[in-house]
Protein backbone atom coordinates (compact mmCIF):
# COMPACT_ATOMS: atom_id res chain seq x y z
CA PHE A 1 32.52 -22.45 5.34
CA PRO A 2 30.04 -20.10 3.75
CA SER A 3 29.11 -20.50 0.11
CA HIS A 4 28.67 -17.35 -1.94
CA ASP A 5 27.69 -17.07 -5.58
CA LYS A 6 27.16 -13.48 -6.81
CA GLN A 7 26.16 -14.70 -10.25
CA GLU A 8 23.33 -16.86 -8.96
CA GLY A 9 22.45 -14.41 -6.18
CA PHE A 10 22.83 -16.42 -3.00
CA TYR A 11 24.90 -16.63 0.17
CA GLU A 12 24.74 -19.83 2.25
CA LEU A 13 25.91 -20.08 5.84
CA GLY A 14 25.09 -23.29 7.68
CA SER A 15 21.46 -24.06 7.09
CA ASN A 16 20.64 -20.45 6.17
CA ILE A 17 20.39 -19.27 2.58
CA ILE A 18 20.16 -15.59 1.69
CA ASN A 19 18.91 -15.14 -1.83
CA TRP A 20 18.61 -11.84 -3.72
CA THR A 21 17.06 -11.03 -7.03
CA SER A 22 15.70 -8.20 -9.09
CA VAL A 23 12.02 -7.92 -9.96
CA ASP A 24 12.65 -6.58 -13.46
CA GLU A 25 11.14 -9.77 -14.88
CA PRO A 26 7.90 -10.94 -13.15
CA GLN A 27 8.61 -14.59 -13.81
CA LYS A 28 11.73 -14.43 -11.61
CA ILE A 29 9.68 -13.98 -8.46
CA ARG A 30 6.76 -16.33 -9.14
CA GLY A 31 8.45 -19.56 -8.08
CA MET A 32 10.67 -18.38 -5.26
CA LYS A 33 9.52 -19.37 -1.76
CA ARG A 34 11.01 -17.97 1.41
CA ASP A 35 10.54 -17.61 5.14
CA TYR A 36 11.65 -13.97 5.31
CA LEU A 37 11.49 -11.25 2.73
CA TYR A 38 13.33 -7.95 2.68
CA CYS A 39 12.32 -5.39 0.05
CA ASN A 40 14.60 -2.45 -0.51
CA GLU A 41 12.78 0.60 -1.88
CA ALA A 42 9.45 -1.22 -1.75
CA ASN A 43 7.57 1.72 -3.24
CA GLU A 44 9.39 0.98 -6.50
CA LEU A 45 7.59 -2.37 -6.78
CA LYS A 46 4.39 -2.76 -8.72
CA ILE A 47 1.49 -3.98 -6.57
CA GLU A 48 1.37 -7.18 -8.70
CA ASP A 49 4.99 -7.89 -7.90
CA TRP A 50 4.42 -7.22 -4.23
CA ASN A 51 1.51 -9.67 -4.18
CA GLN A 52 3.62 -12.38 -5.81
CA LEU A 53 6.35 -11.84 -3.26
CA ILE A 54 4.16 -11.96 -0.14
CA PHE A 55 2.12 -14.94 -1.45
CA ARG A 56 5.37 -16.87 -1.31
CA THR A 57 6.64 -15.65 2.06
CA THR A 58 5.73 -17.69 5.14
CA ASP A 59 6.94 -15.63 8.07
CA LYS A 60 8.01 -11.99 8.08
CA VAL A 61 8.32 -9.17 5.55
CA ILE A 62 10.54 -6.13 6.05
CA CYS A 63 10.46 -3.16 3.70
CA ASP A 64 12.26 0.10 3.45
CA LEU A 65 11.61 3.12 1.27
CA ASN A 66 12.17 6.82 0.82
CA PRO A 67 8.65 8.28 0.86
CA SER A 68 9.19 10.16 -2.37
CA GLU A 69 5.68 9.71 -3.71
CA LEU A 70 2.53 11.39 -2.48
CA ASN A 71 0.44 8.30 -3.19
CA SER A 72 1.59 4.74 -3.29
CA TRP A 73 0.07 1.32 -2.56
CA VAL A 74 2.89 0.83 -0.02
CA TYR A 75 1.34 3.40 2.31
CA ASP A 76 -1.74 1.12 2.68
CA LEU A 77 0.53 -1.25 4.65
CA GLU A 78 0.39 1.22 7.54
CA LYS A 79 -3.33 0.49 7.95
CA ARG A 80 -2.83 -3.25 8.43
CA ASP A 81 -3.18 -4.67 11.98
CA ASP A 82 -0.16 -6.91 11.42
CA SER A 83 2.06 -4.09 10.23
CA TYR A 84 4.44 -1.81 12.06
CA MET A 85 5.95 1.36 10.62
CA PHE A 86 9.16 2.96 11.86
CA LYS A 87 10.13 6.34 10.51
CA THR A 88 13.88 6.87 10.42
CA THR A 89 16.16 9.38 8.72
CA TRP A 90 19.86 9.81 8.26
CA ARG A 91 19.98 11.12 11.85
CA ASP A 92 19.43 7.53 13.01
CA ASN A 93 22.50 6.33 11.15
CA PRO A 94 25.73 6.95 13.03
CA PHE A 95 27.80 6.11 9.93
CA VAL A 96 26.60 8.96 7.70
CA SER A 97 29.56 11.10 6.67
CA ASP A 98 29.78 14.80 7.39
CA THR A 99 29.83 15.45 3.61
CA ILE A 100 26.49 13.75 3.12
CA ILE A 101 25.01 15.41 6.22
CA LYS A 102 26.00 18.81 4.85
CA GLU A 103 24.42 18.01 1.47
CA LEU A 104 21.22 16.70 3.04
CA GLU A 105 20.96 19.72 5.32
CA SER A 106 21.42 22.08 2.37
CA LEU A 107 18.18 20.75 0.86
CA LYS A 108 16.28 22.97 3.30
CA GLU A 109 17.26 25.96 1.19
CA LYS A 110 17.33 24.26 -2.22
CA ASP A 111 14.39 21.88 -2.44
CA GLU A 112 11.64 21.77 0.20
CA ASN A 113 10.24 18.52 -1.14
CA LEU A 114 13.54 16.63 -1.01
CA TYR A 115 14.20 18.10 2.43
CA ARG A 116 10.87 16.67 3.65
CA ILE A 117 11.70 13.22 2.25
CA TYR A 118 15.37 12.81 3.20
CA ASN A 119 15.62 14.87 6.37
CA LEU A 120 12.21 14.52 7.94
CA GLY A 121 11.13 11.12 6.56
CA GLU A 122 7.82 12.70 5.41
CA LYS A 123 5.92 11.76 2.30
CA GLY A 124 6.90 13.64 -0.81
CA ILE A 125 4.62 16.26 -2.22
CA ALA A 126 3.73 16.39 -5.88
CA THR A 127 5.78 19.19 -7.37
CA GLN A 128 4.26 19.55 -10.82
CA LEU A 129 0.61 19.93 -9.99
CA VAL A 130 -1.51 22.74 -11.36
CA PHE A 131 -3.76 22.59 -8.31
CA THR A 132 -1.81 22.07 -5.10
CA LYS A 133 -4.63 22.24 -2.56
CA PHE A 134 -7.30 19.61 -3.24
CA SER A 135 -8.99 16.62 -1.65
CA THR A 136 -10.30 13.38 -2.99
CA ILE A 137 -13.61 11.96 -1.84
CA GLU A 138 -15.21 8.50 -2.19
CA ARG A 139 -18.78 9.81 -2.78
CA ILE A 140 -20.70 13.04 -3.01
CA PRO A 141 -21.37 14.25 0.56
CA GLU A 142 -24.99 14.34 1.80
CA GLY A 143 -26.70 17.61 0.91
CA MET A 144 -24.30 18.30 -2.02
CA LYS A 145 -25.11 18.20 -5.67
CA LEU A 146 -22.79 17.49 -8.63
CA LEU A 147 -22.61 20.57 -10.87
CA GLY A 148 -20.09 19.46 -13.44
CA ARG A 149 -16.85 17.72 -14.28
CA GLY A 150 -13.62 18.87 -15.84
CA MET A 151 -11.02 16.74 -17.58
CA ASP A 152 -7.33 17.09 -18.31
CA PHE A 153 -5.91 14.48 -20.63
CA GLY A 154 -2.41 15.43 -19.59
CA TYR A 155 0.58 15.75 -21.86
CA ASN A 156 3.37 13.82 -20.17
CA SER A 157 1.32 12.87 -17.16
CA PRO A 158 -1.77 10.79 -16.38
CA THR A 159 -5.27 11.88 -17.18
CA THR A 160 -7.34 13.45 -14.41
CA LEU A 161 -11.03 14.17 -13.83
CA ILE A 162 -12.35 16.77 -11.36
CA ALA A 163 -15.88 17.42 -10.16
CA ASN A 164 -17.55 20.64 -9.04
CA LEU A 165 -19.99 20.21 -6.16
CA SER A 166 -22.50 22.59 -4.68
């Protein structure tokens, strides 16, 4: 018979053990070894937590997420040769209720960003930016010259530095 302990976070069936834990305390994940790892809402993990988890996983890792952020370390996984990405939405789930479908569809009129995330499976767009059309570069392009920099220390958000090129 299966053994199940919600308090300790495991389910045992035959020789298989399914263990679950929260990553709210980094020490919880440092000693746990596993063959397979499933991360729900992987973009909510800190990169340090992610590294600790994959260092202790011997076979496969499966992650899911709602792409609610414009930039996240988790998007770098798409660039790996040993990684596969599948984009799915509620339309791929035959068990979504009509009430939820109606609410998700209504986002098209209410919130373009949430519609992109939950209906199209597209990355979220930053909604509180002063400048919405910009690009980031690794180095000054050939033939260009740095004219100046501007800095915003932010109020409730991170600091930013911009450069003006000519």
